[in-house]
């Protein structure tokens, strides 16, 4: 997915040289860096949301146990 996105963004569909030129290489480096940064941010956000959900479930369970007593 990342490689396809960055390739489409940075490399022209028709090319003659099998090697990347400097502009293409820089574009790909930046594209990959942005992708990885977003991937990291999303992972941290999902982890935080999961921990918050877990805490909420534990709180509800504790309240239910107190009500049953």
PDB file of N, CA and C in Angstrom:
ATOM      1  N   UNK A   1       0.820  -1.178   0.000  1.00  0.00           N
ATOM      2  CA  UNK A   1       0.000   0.000   0.000  1.00  0.00           C
ATOM      3  C   UNK A   1       0.870   1.250   0.000  1.00  0.00           C
ATOM      4  N   UNK A   2       1.780   1.356   0.969  1.00  0.00           N
ATOM      5  CA  UNK A   2       2.639   2.533   1.036  1.00  0.00           C
ATOM      6  C   UNK A   2       3.490   2.640  -0.219  1.00  0.00           C
ATOM      7  N   UNK A   3       4.073   1.529  -0.639  1.00  0.00           N
ATOM      8  CA  UNK A   3       4.949   1.578  -1.815  1.00  0.00           C
ATOM      9  C   UNK A   3       4.175   1.980  -3.064  1.00  0.00           C
ATOM     10  N   UNK A   4       2.943   1.487  -3.192  1.00  0.00           N
ATOM     11  CA  UNK A   4       2.131   1.869  -4.352  1.00  0.00           C
ATOM     12  C   UNK A   4       1.782   3.349  -4.325  1.00  0.00           C
ATOM     13  N   UNK A   5       1.381   3.839  -3.155  1.00  0.00           N
ATOM     14  CA  UNK A   5       1.018   5.259  -3.028  1.00  0.00           C
ATOM     15  C   UNK A   5       2.205   6.152  -3.345  1.00  0.00           C
ATOM     16  N   UNK A   6       3.348   5.848  -2.760  1.00  0.00           N
ATOM     17  CA  UNK A   6       4.522   6.684  -2.976  1.00  0.00           C
ATOM     18  C   UNK A   6       5.044   6.571  -4.408  1.00  0.00           C
ATOM     19  N   UNK A   7       4.949   5.392  -4.984  1.00  0.00           N
ATOM     20  CA  UNK A   7       5.392   5.227  -6.364  1.00  0.00           C
ATOM     21  C   UNK A   7       4.522   6.048  -7.305  1.00  0.00           C
ATOM     22  N   UNK A   8       3.199   5.987  -7.113  1.00  0.00           N
ATOM     23  CA  UNK A   8       2.290   6.762  -7.963  1.00  0.00           C
ATOM     24  C   UNK A   8       2.532   8.251  -7.822  1.00  0.00           C
ATOM     25  N   UNK A   9       2.834   8.683  -6.593  1.00  0.00           N
ATOM     26  CA  UNK A   9       3.030  10.102  -6.337  1.00  0.00           C
ATOM     27  C   UNK A   9       4.366  10.606  -6.886  1.00  0.00           C
ATOM     28  N   UNK A  10       5.407   9.794  -6.802  1.00  0.00           N
ATOM     29  CA  UNK A  10       6.768  10.275  -7.045  1.00  0.00           C
ATOM     30  C   UNK A  10       7.394   9.856  -8.372  1.00  0.00           C
ATOM     31  N   UNK A  11       6.872   8.819  -8.987  1.00  0.00           N
ATOM     32  CA  UNK A  11       7.510   8.306 -10.199  1.00  0.00           C
ATOM     33  C   UNK A  11       6.516   8.356 -11.355  1.00  0.00           C
ATOM     34  N   UNK A  12       6.942   8.976 -12.441  1.00  0.00           N
ATOM     35  CA  UNK A  12       6.078   9.070 -13.623  1.00  0.00           C
ATOM     36  C   UNK A  12       5.793   7.673 -14.164  1.00  0.00           C
ATOM     37  N   UNK A  13       4.575   7.463 -14.723  1.00  0.00           N
ATOM     38  CA  UNK A  13       4.234   6.123 -15.221  1.00  0.00           C
ATOM     39  C   UNK A  13       5.124   5.656 -16.380  1.00  0.00           C
ATOM     40  N   UNK A  14       5.608   6.602 -17.161  1.00  0.00           N
ATOM     41  CA  UNK A  14       6.526   6.242 -18.256  1.00  0.00           C
ATOM     42  C   UNK A  14       7.908   6.783 -17.924  1.00  0.00           C
ATOM     43  N   UNK A  15       8.876   5.898 -17.860  1.00  0.00           N
ATOM     44  CA  UNK A  15      10.239   6.326 -17.551  1.00  0.00           C
ATOM     45  C   UNK A  15      11.207   5.528 -18.403  1.00  0.00           C
ATOM     46  N   UNK A  16      12.362   6.122 -18.642  1.00  0.00           N
ATOM     47  CA  UNK A  16      13.378   5.490 -19.485  1.00  0.00           C
ATOM     48  C   UNK A  16      14.531   4.936 -18.667  1.00  0.00           C
ATOM     49  N   UNK A  17      14.853   5.602 -17.580  1.00  0.00           N
ATOM     50  CA  UNK A  17      16.003   5.220 -16.762  1.00  0.00           C
ATOM     51  C   UNK A  17      15.546   4.259 -15.669  1.00  0.00           C
ATOM     52  N   UNK A  18      16.202   3.121 -15.516  1.00  0.00           N
ATOM     53  CA  UNK A  18      15.780   2.156 -14.495  1.00  0.00           C
ATOM     54  C   UNK A  18      16.090   2.625 -13.063  1.00  0.00           C
ATOM     55  N   UNK A  19      16.993   3.580 -12.920  1.00  0.00           N
ATOM     56  CA  UNK A  19      17.351   4.090 -11.597  1.00  0.00           C
ATOM     57  C   UNK A  19      16.528   5.336 -11.286  1.00  0.00           C
ATOM     58  N   UNK A  20      16.289   5.545  -9.997  1.00  0.00           N
ATOM     59  CA  UNK A  20      15.589   6.749  -9.576  1.00  0.00           C
ATOM     60  C   UNK A  20      16.505   7.958  -9.731  1.00  0.00           C
ATOM     61  N   UNK A  21      15.924   9.070 -10.195  1.00  0.00           N
ATOM     62  CA  UNK A  21      16.724  10.287 -10.194  1.00  0.00           C
ATOM     63  C   UNK A  21      16.647  10.901  -8.800  1.00  0.00           C
ATOM     64  N   UNK A  22      17.415  11.950  -8.558  1.00  0.00           N
ATOM     65  CA  UNK A  22      17.502  12.537  -7.221  1.00  0.00           C
ATOM     66  C   UNK A  22      16.140  13.032  -6.747  1.00  0.00           C
ATOM     67  N   UNK A  23      15.398  13.700  -7.612  1.00  0.00           N
ATOM     68  CA  UNK A  23      14.084  14.223  -7.239  1.00  0.00           C
ATOM     69  C   UNK A  23      13.120  13.109  -6.845  1.00  0.00           C
ATOM     70  N   UNK A  24      13.139  12.023  -7.594  1.00  0.00           N
ATOM     71  CA  UNK A  24      12.264  10.886  -7.283  1.00  0.00           C
ATOM     72  C   UNK A  24      12.652  10.252  -5.945  1.00  0.00           C
ATOM     73  N   UNK A  25      13.946  10.103  -5.727  1.00  0.00           N
ATOM     74  CA  UNK A  25      14.429   9.493  -4.482  1.00  0.00           C
ATOM     75  C   UNK A  25      14.042  10.345  -3.275  1.00  0.00           C
ATOM     76  N   UNK A  26      14.202  11.657  -3.385  1.00  0.00           N
ATOM     77  CA  UNK A  26      13.842  12.560  -2.292  1.00  0.00           C
ATOM     78  C   UNK A  26      12.340  12.495  -2.041  1.00  0.00           C
ATOM     79  N   UNK A  27      11.560  12.498  -3.122  1.00  0.00           N
ATOM     80  CA  UNK A  27      10.104  12.419  -3.008  1.00  0.00           C
ATOM     81  C   UNK A  27       9.694  11.135  -2.291  1.00  0.00           C
ATOM     82  N   UNK A  28      10.282  10.032  -2.668  1.00  0.00           N
ATOM     83  CA  UNK A  28       9.948   8.746  -2.045  1.00  0.00           C
ATOM     84  C   UNK A  28      10.351   8.746  -0.569  1.00  0.00           C
ATOM     85  N   UNK A  29      11.530   9.277  -0.263  1.00  0.00           N
ATOM     86  CA  UNK A  29      11.964   9.352   1.138  1.00  0.00           C
ATOM     87  C   UNK A  29      10.973  10.149   1.973  1.00  0.00           C
ATOM     88  N   UNK A  30      10.554  11.299   1.462  1.00  0.00           N
ATOM     89  CA  UNK A  30       9.600  12.132   2.196  1.00  0.00           C
ATOM     90  C   UNK A  30       8.241  11.450   2.311  1.00  0.00           C
ATOM     91  N   UNK A  31       7.807  10.818   1.239  1.00  0.00           N
ATOM     92  CA  UNK A  31       6.518  10.125   1.230  1.00  0.00           C
ATOM     93  C   UNK A  31       6.509   9.003   2.273  1.00  0.00           C
ATOM     94  N   UNK A  32       7.543   8.213   2.300  1.00  0.00           N
ATOM     95  CA  UNK A  32       7.642   7.112   3.262  1.00  0.00           C
ATOM     96  C   UNK A  32       7.693   7.654   4.690  1.00  0.00           C
ATOM     97  N   UNK A  33       8.451   8.729   4.892  1.00  0.00           N
ATOM     98  CA  UNK A  33       8.550   9.322   6.229  1.00  0.00           C
ATOM     99  C   UNK A  33       7.179   9.810   6.699  1.00  0.00           C
ATOM    100  N   UNK A  34       6.435  10.464   5.822  1.00  0.00           N
ATOM    101  CA  UNK A  34       5.093  10.940   6.188  1.00  0.00           C
ATOM    102  C   UNK A  34       4.171   9.765   6.489  1.00  0.00           C
ATOM    103  N   UNK A  35       4.236   8.733   5.663  1.00  0.00           N
ATOM    104  CA  UNK A  35       3.398   7.547   5.865  1.00  0.00           C
ATOM    105  C   UNK A  35       3.687   6.919   7.223  1.00  0.00           C
ATOM    106  N   UNK A  36       4.966   6.774   7.536  1.00  0.00           N
ATOM    107  CA  UNK A  36       5.351   6.145   8.798  1.00  0.00           C
ATOM    108  C   UNK A  36       4.948   7.013   9.992  1.00  0.00           C
ATOM    109  N   UNK A  37       5.071   8.331   9.859  1.00  0.00           N
ATOM    110  CA  UNK A  37       4.664   9.228  10.941  1.00  0.00           C
ATOM    111  C   UNK A  37       3.169   9.104  11.207  1.00  0.00           C
ATOM    112  N   UNK A  38       2.376   9.098  10.155  1.00  0.00           N
ATOM    113  CA  UNK A  38       0.925   8.965  10.314  1.00  0.00           C
ATOM    114  C   UNK A  38       0.582   7.595  10.891  1.00  0.00           C
ATOM    115  N   UNK A  39       1.243   6.568  10.411  1.00  0.00           N
ATOM    116  CA  UNK A  39       1.024   5.211  10.916  1.00  0.00           C
ATOM    117  C   UNK A  39       1.289   5.172  12.422  1.00  0.00           C
ATOM    118  N   UNK A  40       2.365   5.812  12.861  1.00  0.00           N
ATOM    119  CA  UNK A  40       2.714   5.858  14.279  1.00  0.00           C
ATOM    120  C   UNK A  40       1.664   6.631  15.073  1.00  0.00           C
ATOM    121  N   UNK A  41       1.238   7.775  14.548  1.00  0.00           N
ATOM    122  CA  UNK A  41       0.225   8.583  15.246  1.00  0.00           C
ATOM    123  C   UNK A  41      -1.084   7.820  15.400  1.00  0.00           C
ATOM    124  N   UNK A  42      -1.506   7.162  14.345  1.00  0.00           N
ATOM    125  CA  UNK A  42      -2.759   6.394  14.394  1.00  0.00           C
ATOM    126  C   UNK A  42      -2.640   5.260  15.398  1.00  0.00           C
ATOM    127  N   UNK A  43      -1.508   4.580  15.388  1.00  0.00           N
ATOM    128  CA  UNK A  43      -1.292   3.494  16.344  1.00  0.00           C
ATOM    129  C   UNK A  43      -1.377   3.975  17.783  1.00  0.00           C
ATOM    130  N   UNK A  44      -0.753   5.112  18.069  1.00  0.00           N
ATOM    131  CA  UNK A  44      -0.800   5.665  19.428  1.00  0.00           C
ATOM    132  C   UNK A  44      -2.221   6.069  19.800  1.00  0.00           C
ATOM    133  N   UNK A  45      -2.941   6.672  18.860  1.00  0.00           N
ATOM    134  CA  UNK A  45      -4.313   7.096  19.131  1.00  0.00           C
ATOM    135  C   UNK A  45      -5.206   5.891  19.390  1.00  0.00           C
ATOM    136  N   UNK A  46      -5.072   4.841  18.586  1.00  0.00           N
ATOM    137  CA  UNK A  46      -5.880   3.638  18.784  1.00  0.00           C
ATOM    138  C   UNK A  46      -5.563   2.966  20.118  1.00  0.00           C
ATOM    139  N   UNK A  47      -4.293   2.956  20.496  1.00  0.00           N
ATOM    140  CA  UNK A  47      -3.901   2.387  21.781  1.00  0.00           C
ATOM    141  C   UNK A  47      -4.533   3.169  22.928  1.00  0.00           C
ATOM    142  N   UNK A  48      -4.479   4.492  22.830  1.00  0.00           N
ATOM    143  CA  UNK A  48      -5.079   5.332  23.873  1.00  0.00           C
ATOM    144  C   UNK A  48      -6.584   5.103  23.953  1.00  0.00           C
ATOM    145  N   UNK A  49      -7.244   5.012  22.817  1.00  0.00           N
ATOM    146  CA  UNK A  49      -8.687   4.775  22.804  1.00  0.00           C
ATOM    147  C   UNK A  49      -9.018   3.415  23.407  1.00  0.00           C
ATOM    148  N   UNK A  50      -8.224   2.411  23.091  1.00  0.00           N
ATOM    149  CA  UNK A  50      -8.438   1.071  23.625  1.00  0.00           C
ATOM    150  C   UNK A  50      -8.273   1.059  25.135  1.00  0.00           C
ATOM    151  N   UNK A  51      -7.255   1.751  25.628  1.00  0.00           N
ATOM    152  CA  UNK A  51      -7.027   1.813  27.073  1.00  0.00           C
ATOM    153  C   UNK A  51      -8.171   2.553  27.763  1.00  0.00           C
ATOM    154  N   UNK A  52      -8.661   3.597  27.129  1.00  0.00           N
ATOM    155  CA  UNK A  52      -9.777   4.349  27.701  1.00  0.00           C
ATOM    156  C   UNK A  52     -11.028   3.478  27.741  1.00  0.00           C
ATOM    157  N   UNK A  53     -11.286   2.735  26.664  1.00  0.00           N
ATOM    158  CA  UNK A  53     -12.442   1.836  26.632  1.00  0.00           C
ATOM    159  C   UNK A  53     -12.329   0.765  27.715  1.00  0.00           C
ATOM    160  N   UNK A  54     -11.140   0.236  27.887  1.00  0.00           N
ATOM    161  CA  UNK A  54     -10.919  -0.799  28.907  1.00  0.00           C
ATOM    162  C   UNK A  54     -11.186  -0.239  30.301  1.00  0.00           C
ATOM    163  N   UNK A  55     -10.734   0.973  30.542  1.00  0.00           N
ATOM    164  CA  UNK A  55     -10.965   1.608  31.846  1.00  0.00           C
ATOM    165  C   UNK A  55     -12.459   1.836  32.070  1.00  0.00           C
ATOM    166  N   UNK A  56     -13.169   2.229  31.038  1.00  0.00           N
ATOM    167  CA  UNK A  56     -14.607   2.461  31.153  1.00  0.00           C
ATOM    168  C   UNK A  56     -15.345   1.159  31.466  1.00  0.00           C
ATOM    169  N   UNK A  57     -14.952   0.089  30.792  1.00  0.00           N
ATOM    170  CA  UNK A  57     -15.581  -1.215  31.039  1.00  0.00           C
ATOM    171  C   UNK A  57     -15.329  -1.650  32.479  1.00  0.00           C
ATOM    172  N   UNK A  58     -14.126  -1.488  32.961  1.00  0.00           N
ATOM    173  CA  UNK A  58     -13.813  -1.868  34.345  1.00  0.00           C
ATOM    174  C   UNK A  58     -14.627  -1.038  35.328  1.00  0.00           C
ATOM    175  N   UNK A  59     -14.792   0.241  35.031  1.00  0.00           N
ATOM    176  CA  UNK A  59     -15.581   1.114  35.913  1.00  0.00           C
ATOM    177  C   UNK A  59     -17.038   0.663  35.945  1.00  0.00           C
ATOM    178  N   UNK A  60     -17.580   0.333  34.788  1.00  0.00           N
ATOM    179  CA  UNK A  60     -18.972  -0.133  34.716  1.00  0.00           C
ATOM    180  C   UNK A  60     -19.130  -1.456  35.452  1.00  0.00           C
ATOM    181  N   UNK A  61     -18.174  -2.367  35.281  1.00  0.00           N
ATOM    182  CA  UNK A  61     -18.233  -3.649  35.974  1.00  0.00           C
ATOM    183  C   UNK A  61     -18.192  -3.451  37.491  1.00  0.00           C
ATOM    184  N   UNK A  62     -17.346  -2.528  37.950  1.00  0.00           N
ATOM    185  CA  UNK A  62     -17.253  -2.259  39.389  1.00  0.00           C
ATOM    186  C   UNK A  62     -18.567  -1.694  39.908  1.00  0.00           C
ATOM    187  N   UNK A  63     -19.189  -0.819  39.140  1.00  0.00           N
ATOM    188  CA  UNK A  63     -20.472  -0.243  39.545  1.00  0.00           C
ATOM    189  C   UNK A  63     -21.560  -1.315  39.599  1.00  0.00           C
ATOM    190  N   UNK A  64     -21.549  -2.223  38.642  1.00  0.00           N
ATOM    191  CA  UNK A  64     -22.538  -3.290  38.623  1.00  0.00           C
ATOM    192  C   UNK A  64     -22.358  -4.220  39.809  1.00  0.00           C
ATOM    193  N   UNK A  65     -21.117  -4.504  40.167  1.00  0.00           N
ATOM    194  CA  UNK A  65     -20.844  -5.367  41.312  1.00  0.00           C
ATOM    195  C   UNK A  65     -21.311  -4.722  42.606  1.00  0.00           C
ATOM    196  N   UNK A  66     -21.130  -3.411  42.708  1.00  0.00           N
ATOM    197  CA  UNK A  66     -21.573  -2.700  43.910  1.00  0.00           C
ATOM    198  C   UNK A  66     -23.098  -2.698  44.000  1.00  0.00           C
ATOM    199  N   UNK A  67     -23.762  -2.591  42.882  1.00  0.00           N
ATOM    200  CA  UNK A  67     -25.224  -2.580  42.861  1.00  0.00           C
ATOM    201  C   UNK A  67     -25.786  -3.952  43.236  1.00  0.00           C
ATOM    202  N   UNK A  68     -25.077  -5.022  42.917  1.00  0.00           N
ATOM    203  CA  UNK A  68     -25.544  -6.366  43.209  1.00  0.00           C
ATOM    204  C   UNK A  68     -25.414  -6.702  44.690  1.00  0.00           C
ATOM    205  N   UNK A  69     -24.608  -5.969  45.414  1.00  0.00           N
ATOM    206  CA  UNK A  69     -24.394  -6.259  46.843  1.00  0.00           C
ATOM    207  C   UNK A  69     -25.490  -5.735  47.661  1.00  0.00           C
TER     208      UNK A  69
END
